[in-house]
Amino acid sequence: MRTIVLLTISNIFMTMAWYGHLKYKESPLWIAIMVSWGIAFVEYCFQVPANRIGHYQFTAAQLKTIQEVITLVVFCGFSVWYLKEPLKWNYLAGFAMMVGAVFFIFKEW
């Protein structure tokens, strides 16, 4: 559970670093890069421990899959709440297919 919490916090910061500057297109690109870099540093402070702790319980592929699902959930909320962009049905259908991949990653064959 600790891994999932850390990955969620990490993804909130990374989503802000990657996409937060889109609301401020009038600011110079170099400022967006520097601010994003600073935010990404905080993200790494959660991501690295999450993966280190999580690797005792999950494989690297499973950790990456968990991270991607969390990223999709965080991004959906961020795009609606912060960027004010609607979630279209085809986005949700595509995301659902990606989440379906979780079955294959975590299934013991």
C-alpha atoms as a PDB file:
ATOM      1  CA  MET A   1       0.000   0.000   0.000  1.00  0.00           C
ATOM      2  CA  ARG A   2       2.891   2.356   0.792  1.00  0.00           C
ATOM      3  CA  THR A   3       4.207   1.899  -2.746  1.00  0.00           C
ATOM      4  CA  ILE A   4       0.865   2.866  -4.284  1.00  0.00           C
ATOM      5  CA  VAL A   5       0.564   5.966  -2.091  1.00  0.00           C
ATOM      6  CA  LEU A   6       4.102   7.073  -2.970  1.00  0.00           C
ATOM      7  CA  LEU A   7       3.497   6.417  -6.678  1.00  0.00           C
ATOM      8  CA  THR A   8       0.279   8.431  -6.545  1.00  0.00           C
ATOM      9  CA  ILE A   9       1.997  11.410  -4.912  1.00  0.00           C
ATOM     10  CA  SER A  10       4.828  11.072  -7.416  1.00  0.00           C
ATOM     11  CA  ASN A  11       2.413  11.093 -10.342  1.00  0.00           C
ATOM     12  CA  ILE A  12       0.577  14.156  -9.092  1.00  0.00           C
ATOM     13  CA  PHE A  13       3.862  16.066  -9.119  1.00  0.00           C
ATOM     14  CA  MET A  14       4.948  14.662 -12.480  1.00  0.00           C
ATOM     15  CA  THR A  15       1.633  15.438 -14.139  1.00  0.00           C
ATOM     16  CA  MET A  16       1.933  19.014 -12.886  1.00  0.00           C
ATOM     17  CA  ALA A  17       5.526  19.205 -14.173  1.00  0.00           C
ATOM     18  CA  TRP A  18       4.649  17.815 -17.605  1.00  0.00           C
ATOM     19  CA  TYR A  19       1.314  19.510 -18.225  1.00  0.00           C
ATOM     20  CA  GLY A  20       0.868  22.356 -15.702  1.00  0.00           C
ATOM     21  CA  HIS A  21       2.696  24.855 -17.888  1.00  0.00           C
ATOM     22  CA  LEU A  22       0.091  24.452 -20.645  1.00  0.00           C
ATOM     23  CA  LYS A  23      -2.074  27.022 -18.860  1.00  0.00           C
ATOM     24  CA  TYR A  24       0.790  29.527 -19.081  1.00  0.00           C
ATOM     25  CA  LYS A  25       1.704  29.468 -22.757  1.00  0.00           C
ATOM     26  CA  GLU A  26       2.574  33.170 -22.660  1.00  0.00           C
ATOM     27  CA  SER A  27       5.533  32.591 -20.327  1.00  0.00           C
ATOM     28  CA  PRO A  28       8.921  31.861 -21.895  1.00  0.00           C
ATOM     29  CA  LEU A  29       9.692  28.226 -22.578  1.00  0.00           C
ATOM     30  CA  TRP A  30      12.895  28.305 -20.537  1.00  0.00           C
ATOM     31  CA  ILE A  31      10.885  29.303 -17.438  1.00  0.00           C
ATOM     32  CA  ALA A  32       8.458  26.429 -18.035  1.00  0.00           C
ATOM     33  CA  ILE A  33      11.416  24.061 -18.323  1.00  0.00           C
ATOM     34  CA  MET A  34      13.066  25.291 -15.122  1.00  0.00           C
ATOM     35  CA  VAL A  35       9.839  25.202 -13.103  1.00  0.00           C
ATOM     36  CA  SER A  36       9.002  21.758 -14.482  1.00  0.00           C
ATOM     37  CA  TRP A  37      12.468  20.541 -13.595  1.00  0.00           C
ATOM     38  CA  GLY A  38      12.027  21.727 -10.019  1.00  0.00           C
ATOM     39  CA  ILE A  39       8.675  19.983  -9.741  1.00  0.00           C
ATOM     40  CA  ALA A  40      10.158  16.830 -11.289  1.00  0.00           C
ATOM     41  CA  PHE A  41      12.844  16.786  -8.581  1.00  0.00           C
ATOM     42  CA  VAL A  42      10.109  16.549  -5.949  1.00  0.00           C
ATOM     43  CA  GLU A  43       8.480  13.807  -8.031  1.00  0.00           C
ATOM     44  CA  TYR A  44      11.695  11.792  -7.968  1.00  0.00           C
ATOM     45  CA  CYS A  45      11.824  12.084  -4.173  1.00  0.00           C
ATOM     46  CA  PHE A  46       8.637   9.972  -4.127  1.00  0.00           C
ATOM     47  CA  GLN A  47       9.165   7.831  -7.238  1.00  0.00           C
ATOM     48  CA  VAL A  48      12.551   6.378  -6.299  1.00  0.00           C
ATOM     49  CA  PRO A  49      11.502   5.243  -2.802  1.00  0.00           C
ATOM     50  CA  ALA A  50       8.225   3.888  -4.201  1.00  0.00           C
ATOM     51  CA  ASN A  51      10.072   1.691  -6.669  1.00  0.00           C
ATOM     52  CA  ARG A  52      12.728   0.653  -4.147  1.00  0.00           C
ATOM     53  CA  ILE A  53      10.123  -0.328  -1.543  1.00  0.00           C
ATOM     54  CA  GLY A  54       7.774  -1.818  -4.118  1.00  0.00           C
ATOM     55  CA  HIS A  55      10.416  -4.043  -5.703  1.00  0.00           C
ATOM     56  CA  TYR A  56      10.362  -6.234  -2.589  1.00  0.00           C
ATOM     57  CA  GLN A  57       6.758  -7.133  -3.424  1.00  0.00           C
ATOM     58  CA  PHE A  58       6.404  -6.554  -7.179  1.00  0.00           C
ATOM     59  CA  THR A  59       8.488  -7.167 -10.278  1.00  0.00           C
ATOM     60  CA  ALA A  60       9.769  -4.168 -12.217  1.00  0.00           C
ATOM     61  CA  ALA A  61       7.158  -4.814 -14.923  1.00  0.00           C
ATOM     62  CA  GLN A  62       4.410  -4.888 -12.313  1.00  0.00           C
ATOM     63  CA  LEU A  63       5.678  -1.651 -10.754  1.00  0.00           C
ATOM     64  CA  LYS A  64       5.669   0.027 -14.159  1.00  0.00           C
ATOM     65  CA  THR A  65       2.138  -1.208 -14.816  1.00  0.00           C
ATOM     66  CA  ILE A  66       0.917   0.125 -11.463  1.00  0.00           C
ATOM     67  CA  GLN A  67       2.600   3.436 -12.220  1.00  0.00           C
ATOM     68  CA  GLU A  68       0.944   3.689 -15.648  1.00  0.00           C
ATOM     69  CA  VAL A  69      -2.532   3.004 -14.263  1.00  0.00           C
ATOM     70  CA  ILE A  70      -2.010   5.613 -11.553  1.00  0.00           C
ATOM     71  CA  THR A  71      -0.751   8.024 -14.212  1.00  0.00           C
ATOM     72  CA  LEU A  72      -3.934   7.581 -16.237  1.00  0.00           C
ATOM     73  CA  VAL A  73      -6.168   8.154 -13.221  1.00  0.00           C
ATOM     74  CA  VAL A  74      -4.206  11.222 -12.094  1.00  0.00           C
ATOM     75  CA  PHE A  75      -4.074  12.601 -15.641  1.00  0.00           C
ATOM     76  CA  CYS A  76      -7.836  12.218 -16.122  1.00  0.00           C
ATOM     77  CA  GLY A  77      -8.508  14.202 -12.966  1.00  0.00           C
ATOM     78  CA  PHE A  78      -5.862  16.781 -13.813  1.00  0.00           C
ATOM     79  CA  SER A  79      -7.072  17.365 -17.349  1.00  0.00           C
ATOM     80  CA  VAL A  80     -10.670  17.887 -16.219  1.00  0.00           C
ATOM     81  CA  TRP A  81      -9.985  19.847 -13.030  1.00  0.00           C
ATOM     82  CA  TYR A  82      -6.918  21.920 -13.940  1.00  0.00           C
ATOM     83  CA  LEU A  83      -6.871  22.151 -17.728  1.00  0.00           C
ATOM     84  CA  LYS A  84     -10.690  22.228 -18.023  1.00  0.00           C
ATOM     85  CA  GLU A  85     -10.592  19.705 -20.879  1.00  0.00           C
ATOM     86  CA  PRO A  86     -13.429  17.206 -21.167  1.00  0.00           C
ATOM     87  CA  LEU A  87     -12.857  13.473 -21.062  1.00  0.00           C
ATOM     88  CA  LYS A  88     -14.286  12.104 -24.265  1.00  0.00           C
ATOM     89  CA  TRP A  89     -15.705   8.603 -24.532  1.00  0.00           C
ATOM     90  CA  ASN A  90     -12.908   7.460 -26.844  1.00  0.00           C
ATOM     91  CA  TYR A  91     -10.261   8.584 -24.329  1.00  0.00           C
ATOM     92  CA  LEU A  92     -11.961   6.559 -21.619  1.00  0.00           C
ATOM     93  CA  ALA A  93     -12.321   3.548 -23.919  1.00  0.00           C
ATOM     94  CA  GLY A  94      -8.615   3.696 -24.772  1.00  0.00           C
ATOM     95  CA  PHE A  95      -7.655   4.070 -21.118  1.00  0.00           C
ATOM     96  CA  ALA A  96      -9.885   1.104 -20.236  1.00  0.00           C
ATOM     97  CA  MET A  97      -8.039  -1.022 -22.757  1.00  0.00           C
ATOM     98  CA  MET A  98      -4.740  -0.049 -21.146  1.00  0.00           C
ATOM     99  CA  VAL A  99      -6.110  -0.947 -17.741  1.00  0.00           C
ATOM    100  CA  GLY A 100      -7.138  -4.295 -19.231  1.00  0.00           C
ATOM    101  CA  ALA A 101      -3.444  -4.933 -19.806  1.00  0.00           C
ATOM    102  CA  VAL A 102      -3.043  -5.063 -16.035  1.00  0.00           C
ATOM    103  CA  PHE A 103      -4.748  -8.457 -16.100  1.00  0.00           C
ATOM    104  CA  PHE A 104      -2.043  -9.905 -18.308  1.00  0.00           C
ATOM    105  CA  ILE A 105       0.814  -8.393 -16.297  1.00  0.00           C
ATOM    106  CA  PHE A 106      -0.437  -9.594 -12.903  1.00  0.00           C
ATOM    107  CA  LYS A 107      -1.925 -12.950 -13.945  1.00  0.00           C
ATOM    108  CA  GLU A 108       0.188 -15.904 -12.872  1.00  0.00           C
ATOM    109  CA  TRP A 109       0.616 -18.045 -15.982  1.00  0.00           C
END
